[in-house]
Amino acid sequence: MTQQSDPRQDSTTSTQRSSAAAQQKVTPELRRWIIEQTQAGCTQASLLQSMRSSGWNEQVAAEALESTLHQLLVEPAAPQSPPASMPGPRLDESPTRVDCGDRTADVLLSMEQPRIVVFGNLLAPEECEALIAAAASRMARSLTVAPETGAKSSTTPAPATACSSTAEKARCCSASKRALRAC
């Protein structure tokens, strides 16, 4: 014996679904999310399931996925304007030293793409110590994740030690700069 459903109930359910679908708007934010998730490696099926779990009507979600991904594949990416020029030292003639006003800094490395300049003797040991002291309360080890276990850990950095000789100050300053860059 076959069960037949009440056509009035099917009609009501269909009307409710159409009404819910009409209320769901595909926004630029949703399209951006779809693109970001796709570029991160998510499949269309997982995106559809995620949208359905969040209350999206399946038909609206499927159409949003299809139109957004079609647009992404068919339309060429808009050309990006070059980044604004950053001020920097004049290294056109490959100098080995740069006059900084109150001191001369050594140019240890200079690259054009990406733009990187590494200076030596840019800061005096006392300036390094002052920077380290100013940042000491905010310094903390970066969170690390063990690839084998996925465990996260963070250990506190060792406190800065006093340096007595000029050579020790230079070593401390160098180590402190690395520590500041790591934070």
C-alpha atoms as a PDB file:
ATOM      1  CA  MET A   1       0.000   0.000   0.000  1.00  0.00           C
ATOM      2  CA  THR A   2       1.435   3.375  -1.003  1.00  0.00           C
ATOM      3  CA  GLN A   3       1.171   6.424   1.121  1.00  0.00           C
ATOM      4  CA  GLN A   4       0.138   9.600  -0.587  1.00  0.00           C
ATOM      5  CA  SER A   5       0.941  12.954   0.817  1.00  0.00           C
ATOM      6  CA  ASP A   6      -1.554  15.705   1.219  1.00  0.00           C
ATOM      7  CA  PRO A   7      -1.127  18.055  -1.798  1.00  0.00           C
ATOM      8  CA  ARG A   8      -2.106  21.052   0.353  1.00  0.00           C
ATOM      9  CA  GLN A   9       0.735  20.263   2.791  1.00  0.00           C
ATOM     10  CA  ASP A  10       3.244  19.849  -0.083  1.00  0.00           C
ATOM     11  CA  SER A  11       2.082  23.168  -1.505  1.00  0.00           C
ATOM     12  CA  THR A  12       2.476  24.892   1.874  1.00  0.00           C
ATOM     13  CA  THR A  13       5.960  23.447   2.376  1.00  0.00           C
ATOM     14  CA  SER A  14       6.966  24.486  -1.143  1.00  0.00           C
ATOM     15  CA  THR A  15       5.619  28.002  -0.563  1.00  0.00           C
ATOM     16  CA  GLN A  16       7.531  28.264   2.724  1.00  0.00           C
ATOM     17  CA  ARG A  17      10.745  27.168   1.000  1.00  0.00           C
ATOM     18  CA  SER A  18      10.224  29.694  -1.815  1.00  0.00           C
ATOM     19  CA  SER A  19       9.569  32.427   0.739  1.00  0.00           C
ATOM     20  CA  ALA A  20      12.730  31.555   2.695  1.00  0.00           C
ATOM     21  CA  ALA A  21      14.763  31.475  -0.513  1.00  0.00           C
ATOM     22  CA  ALA A  22      13.405  34.863  -1.551  1.00  0.00           C
ATOM     23  CA  GLN A  23      14.567  36.347   1.776  1.00  0.00           C
ATOM     24  CA  GLN A  24      18.152  35.085   1.424  1.00  0.00           C
ATOM     25  CA  LYS A  25      20.294  37.548  -0.488  1.00  0.00           C
ATOM     26  CA  VAL A  26      23.651  36.685  -1.996  1.00  0.00           C
ATOM     27  CA  THR A  27      25.839  39.523  -0.759  1.00  0.00           C
ATOM     28  CA  PRO A  28      29.323  40.574  -1.867  1.00  0.00           C
ATOM     29  CA  GLU A  29      30.561  39.312   1.503  1.00  0.00           C
ATOM     30  CA  LEU A  30      29.126  35.852   0.804  1.00  0.00           C
ATOM     31  CA  ARG A  31      30.723  35.827  -2.655  1.00  0.00           C
ATOM     32  CA  ARG A  32      34.062  36.869  -1.124  1.00  0.00           C
ATOM     33  CA  TRP A  33      33.745  34.054   1.441  1.00  0.00           C
ATOM     34  CA  ILE A  34      33.009  31.508  -1.307  1.00  0.00           C
ATOM     35  CA  ILE A  35      36.072  32.635  -3.277  1.00  0.00           C
ATOM     36  CA  GLU A  36      38.327  32.603  -0.205  1.00  0.00           C
ATOM     37  CA  GLN A  37      37.174  29.134   0.824  1.00  0.00           C
ATOM     38  CA  THR A  38      37.589  27.803  -2.722  1.00  0.00           C
ATOM     39  CA  GLN A  39      41.092  29.239  -2.954  1.00  0.00           C
ATOM     40  CA  ALA A  40      41.861  27.633   0.419  1.00  0.00           C
ATOM     41  CA  GLY A  41      41.011  24.229  -1.111  1.00  0.00           C
ATOM     42  CA  CYS A  42      37.412  23.629  -0.004  1.00  0.00           C
ATOM     43  CA  THR A  43      35.245  21.638  -2.402  1.00  0.00           C
ATOM     44  CA  GLN A  44      31.914  22.870  -3.722  1.00  0.00           C
ATOM     45  CA  ALA A  45      30.186  20.039  -1.888  1.00  0.00           C
ATOM     46  CA  SER A  46      31.718  21.047   1.452  1.00  0.00           C
ATOM     47  CA  LEU A  47      30.833  24.702   0.855  1.00  0.00           C
ATOM     48  CA  LEU A  48      27.257  23.761   0.000  1.00  0.00           C
ATOM     49  CA  GLN A  49      27.014  21.607   3.133  1.00  0.00           C
ATOM     50  CA  SER A  50      28.448  24.422   5.249  1.00  0.00           C
ATOM     51  CA  MET A  51      25.965  26.906   3.814  1.00  0.00           C
ATOM     52  CA  ARG A  52      23.064  24.496   4.360  1.00  0.00           C
ATOM     53  CA  SER A  53      24.208  23.931   7.962  1.00  0.00           C
ATOM     54  CA  SER A  54      24.147  27.696   8.454  1.00  0.00           C
ATOM     55  CA  GLY A  55      20.523  27.865   7.338  1.00  0.00           C
ATOM     56  CA  TRP A  56      20.870  28.618   3.640  1.00  0.00           C
ATOM     57  CA  ASN A  57      18.246  27.258   1.290  1.00  0.00           C
ATOM     58  CA  GLU A  58      19.922  24.556  -0.804  1.00  0.00           C
ATOM     59  CA  GLN A  59      18.820  26.020  -4.120  1.00  0.00           C
ATOM     60  CA  VAL A  60      19.964  29.553  -3.221  1.00  0.00           C
ATOM     61  CA  ALA A  61      23.268  28.234  -1.894  1.00  0.00           C
ATOM     62  CA  ALA A  62      23.888  26.132  -5.009  1.00  0.00           C
ATOM     63  CA  GLU A  63      23.079  29.065  -7.297  1.00  0.00           C
ATOM     64  CA  ALA A  64      25.350  31.376  -5.259  1.00  0.00           C
ATOM     65  CA  LEU A  65      28.201  28.868  -5.520  1.00  0.00           C
ATOM     66  CA  GLU A  66      27.681  28.310  -9.221  1.00  0.00           C
ATOM     67  CA  SER A  67      27.422  31.973 -10.189  1.00  0.00           C
ATOM     68  CA  THR A  68      30.317  33.075  -7.968  1.00  0.00           C
ATOM     69  CA  LEU A  69      32.678  30.341  -9.141  1.00  0.00           C
ATOM     70  CA  HIS A  70      31.639  30.829 -12.778  1.00  0.00           C
ATOM     71  CA  GLN A  71      32.357  34.551 -12.422  1.00  0.00           C
ATOM     72  CA  LEU A  72      35.714  33.765 -10.815  1.00  0.00           C
ATOM     73  CA  LEU A  73      36.724  31.436 -13.662  1.00  0.00           C
ATOM     74  CA  VAL A  74      35.338  33.405 -16.604  1.00  0.00           C
ATOM     75  CA  GLU A  75      36.108  37.014 -15.734  1.00  0.00           C
ATOM     76  CA  PRO A  76      39.774  37.953 -15.734  1.00  0.00           C
ATOM     77  CA  ALA A  77      41.150  39.237 -12.480  1.00  0.00           C
ATOM     78  CA  ALA A  78      41.242  43.007 -12.290  1.00  0.00           C
ATOM     79  CA  PRO A  79      44.781  44.287 -12.698  1.00  0.00           C
ATOM     80  CA  GLN A  80      46.209  45.424  -9.423  1.00  0.00           C
ATOM     81  CA  SER A  81      47.797  48.821  -9.245  1.00  0.00           C
ATOM     82  CA  PRO A  82      51.406  48.854  -8.111  1.00  0.00           C
ATOM     83  CA  PRO A  83      51.898  49.576  -4.423  1.00  0.00           C
ATOM     84  CA  ALA A  84      52.612  53.132  -3.420  1.00  0.00           C
ATOM     85  CA  SER A  85      56.266  54.016  -3.377  1.00  0.00           C
ATOM     86  CA  MET A  86      57.824  53.689   0.045  1.00  0.00           C
ATOM     87  CA  PRO A  87      60.403  56.193   1.196  1.00  0.00           C
ATOM     88  CA  GLY A  88      63.820  54.717   1.594  1.00  0.00           C
ATOM     89  CA  PRO A  89      67.522  55.346   1.417  1.00  0.00           C
ATOM     90  CA  ARG A  90      69.068  56.365  -1.894  1.00  0.00           C
ATOM     91  CA  LEU A  91      71.034  53.321  -2.941  1.00  0.00           C
ATOM     92  CA  ASP A  92      71.092  54.007  -6.693  1.00  0.00           C
ATOM     93  CA  GLU A  93      74.872  53.936  -6.921  1.00  0.00           C
ATOM     94  CA  SER A  94      75.315  50.916  -4.610  1.00  0.00           C
ATOM     95  CA  PRO A  95      76.982  52.688  -1.698  1.00  0.00           C
ATOM     96  CA  THR A  96      78.457  50.602   1.084  1.00  0.00           C
ATOM     97  CA  ARG A  97      77.665  53.271   3.691  1.00  0.00           C
ATOM     98  CA  VAL A  98      74.755  55.679   4.153  1.00  0.00           C
ATOM     99  CA  ASP A  99      74.887  58.973   6.027  1.00  0.00           C
ATOM    100  CA  CYS A 100      72.086  58.966   8.614  1.00  0.00           C
ATOM    101  CA  GLY A 101      72.729  62.460   9.943  1.00  0.00           C
ATOM    102  CA  ASP A 102      74.237  61.694  13.330  1.00  0.00           C
ATOM    103  CA  ARG A 103      76.022  58.497  12.213  1.00  0.00           C
ATOM    104  CA  THR A 104      76.930  56.430   9.197  1.00  0.00           C
ATOM    105  CA  ALA A 105      75.287  53.030   8.709  1.00  0.00           C
ATOM    106  CA  ASP A 106      76.763  50.145   6.730  1.00  0.00           C
ATOM    107  CA  VAL A 107      74.677  48.721   3.872  1.00  0.00           C
ATOM    108  CA  LEU A 108      74.983  44.970   4.415  1.00  0.00           C
ATOM    109  CA  LEU A 109      72.395  43.861   1.850  1.00  0.00           C
ATOM    110  CA  SER A 110      70.193  45.601  -0.704  1.00  0.00           C
ATOM    111  CA  MET A 111      67.532  43.897  -2.869  1.00  0.00           C
ATOM    112  CA  GLU A 112      65.057  45.486  -5.294  1.00  0.00           C
ATOM    113  CA  GLN A 113      62.355  42.794  -5.577  1.00  0.00           C
ATOM    114  CA  PRO A 114      61.179  42.499  -2.872  1.00  0.00           C
ATOM    115  CA  ARG A 115      62.651  45.720  -1.538  1.00  0.00           C
ATOM    116  CA  ILE A 116      64.924  44.770   1.345  1.00  0.00           C
ATOM    117  CA  VAL A 117      67.796  46.753   2.859  1.00  0.00           C
ATOM    118  CA  VAL A 118      69.814  45.426   5.789  1.00  0.00           C
ATOM    119  CA  PHE A 119      71.849  47.991   7.704  1.00  0.00           C
ATOM    120  CA  GLY A 120      74.690  47.418  10.113  1.00  0.00           C
ATOM    121  CA  ASN A 121      75.478  49.831  12.966  1.00  0.00           C
ATOM    122  CA  LEU A 122      72.176  51.593  12.493  1.00  0.00           C
ATOM    123  CA  LEU A 123      71.532  51.713  16.233  1.00  0.00           C
ATOM    124  CA  ALA A 124      73.992  52.188  19.060  1.00  0.00           C
ATOM    125  CA  PRO A 125      74.026  49.499  21.781  1.00  0.00           C
ATOM    126  CA  GLU A 126      72.399  51.989  24.186  1.00  0.00           C
ATOM    127  CA  GLU A 127      69.554  52.565  21.714  1.00  0.00           C
ATOM    128  CA  CYS A 128      69.090  48.806  21.407  1.00  0.00           C
ATOM    129  CA  GLU A 129      68.912  48.482  25.183  1.00  0.00           C
ATOM    130  CA  ALA A 130      66.348  51.301  25.380  1.00  0.00           C
ATOM    131  CA  LEU A 131      64.173  49.641  22.704  1.00  0.00           C
ATOM    132  CA  ILE A 132      64.395  46.287  24.449  1.00  0.00           C
ATOM    133  CA  ALA A 133      63.520  47.824  27.815  1.00  0.00           C
ATOM    134  CA  ALA A 134      60.550  49.669  26.294  1.00  0.00           C
ATOM    135  CA  ALA A 135      59.239  46.453  24.707  1.00  0.00           C
ATOM    136  CA  ALA A 136      60.123  44.047  27.539  1.00  0.00           C
ATOM    137  CA  SER A 137      56.635  44.008  29.062  1.00  0.00           C
ATOM    138  CA  ARG A 138      55.087  43.072  25.706  1.00  0.00           C
ATOM    139  CA  MET A 139      57.644  40.522  24.575  1.00  0.00           C
ATOM    140  CA  ALA A 140      56.455  36.924  24.421  1.00  0.00           C
ATOM    141  CA  ARG A 141      57.400  33.829  22.501  1.00  0.00           C
ATOM    142  CA  SER A 142      55.410  33.085  19.394  1.00  0.00           C
ATOM    143  CA  LEU A 143      53.021  30.151  19.580  1.00  0.00           C
ATOM    144  CA  THR A 144      54.482  27.111  17.836  1.00  0.00           C
ATOM    145  CA  VAL A 145      52.815  23.936  16.642  1.00  0.00           C
ATOM    146  CA  ALA A 146      54.534  20.543  16.655  1.00  0.00           C
ATOM    147  CA  PRO A 147      53.948  19.055  13.173  1.00  0.00           C
ATOM    148  CA  GLU A 148      53.933  15.469  14.460  1.00  0.00           C
ATOM    149  CA  THR A 149      51.331  15.937  17.199  1.00  0.00           C
ATOM    150  CA  GLY A 150      49.656  19.260  16.431  1.00  0.00           C
ATOM    151  CA  ALA A 151      50.348  20.306  20.024  1.00  0.00           C
ATOM    152  CA  LYS A 152      50.675  24.037  20.601  1.00  0.00           C
ATOM    153  CA  SER A 153      53.269  25.442  22.947  1.00  0.00           C
ATOM    154  CA  SER A 154      54.603  28.781  24.039  1.00  0.00           C
ATOM    155  CA  THR A 155      57.506  29.325  26.357  1.00  0.00           C
ATOM    156  CA  THR A 156      58.506  32.622  27.875  1.00  0.00           C
ATOM    157  CA  PRO A 157      61.744  34.172  26.644  1.00  0.00           C
ATOM    158  CA  ALA A 158      64.741  34.304  28.904  1.00  0.00           C
ATOM    159  CA  PRO A 159      65.167  37.710  30.540  1.00  0.00           C
ATOM    160  CA  ALA A 160      67.690  40.080  28.959  1.00  0.00           C
ATOM    161  CA  THR A 161      71.053  39.955  30.663  1.00  0.00           C
ATOM    162  CA  ALA A 162      73.320  42.879  31.357  1.00  0.00           C
ATOM    163  CA  CYS A 163      76.275  43.170  29.001  1.00  0.00           C
ATOM    164  CA  SER A 164      79.472  44.649  30.350  1.00  0.00           C
ATOM    165  CA  SER A 165      82.076  44.872  27.577  1.00  0.00           C
ATOM    166  CA  THR A 166      81.611  46.602  24.218  1.00  0.00           C
ATOM    167  CA  ALA A 167      81.845  43.264  22.391  1.00  0.00           C
ATOM    168  CA  GLU A 168      79.187  41.750  24.694  1.00  0.00           C
ATOM    169  CA  LYS A 169      76.953  44.789  24.134  1.00  0.00           C
ATOM    170  CA  ALA A 170      77.252  44.351  20.377  1.00  0.00           C
ATOM    171  CA  ARG A 171      76.331  40.642  20.731  1.00  0.00           C
ATOM    172  CA  CYS A 172      73.445  41.496  23.067  1.00  0.00           C
ATOM    173  CA  CYS A 173      72.216  44.206  20.726  1.00  0.00           C
ATOM    174  CA  SER A 174      72.313  41.791  17.798  1.00  0.00           C
ATOM    175  CA  ALA A 175      70.513  39.058  19.755  1.00  0.00           C
ATOM    176  CA  SER A 176      67.961  41.561  21.038  1.00  0.00           C
ATOM    177  CA  LYS A 177      67.197  42.797  17.534  1.00  0.00           C
ATOM    178  CA  ARG A 178      66.525  39.197  16.496  1.00  0.00           C
ATOM    179  CA  ALA A 179      64.308  38.722  19.553  1.00  0.00           C
ATOM    180  CA  LEU A 180      62.358  41.882  18.768  1.00  0.00           C
ATOM    181  CA  ARG A 181      61.869  40.761  15.165  1.00  0.00           C
ATOM    182  CA  ALA A 182      60.577  37.389  16.407  1.00  0.00           C
ATOM    183  CA  CYS A 183      57.893  39.019  18.583  1.00  0.00           C
END
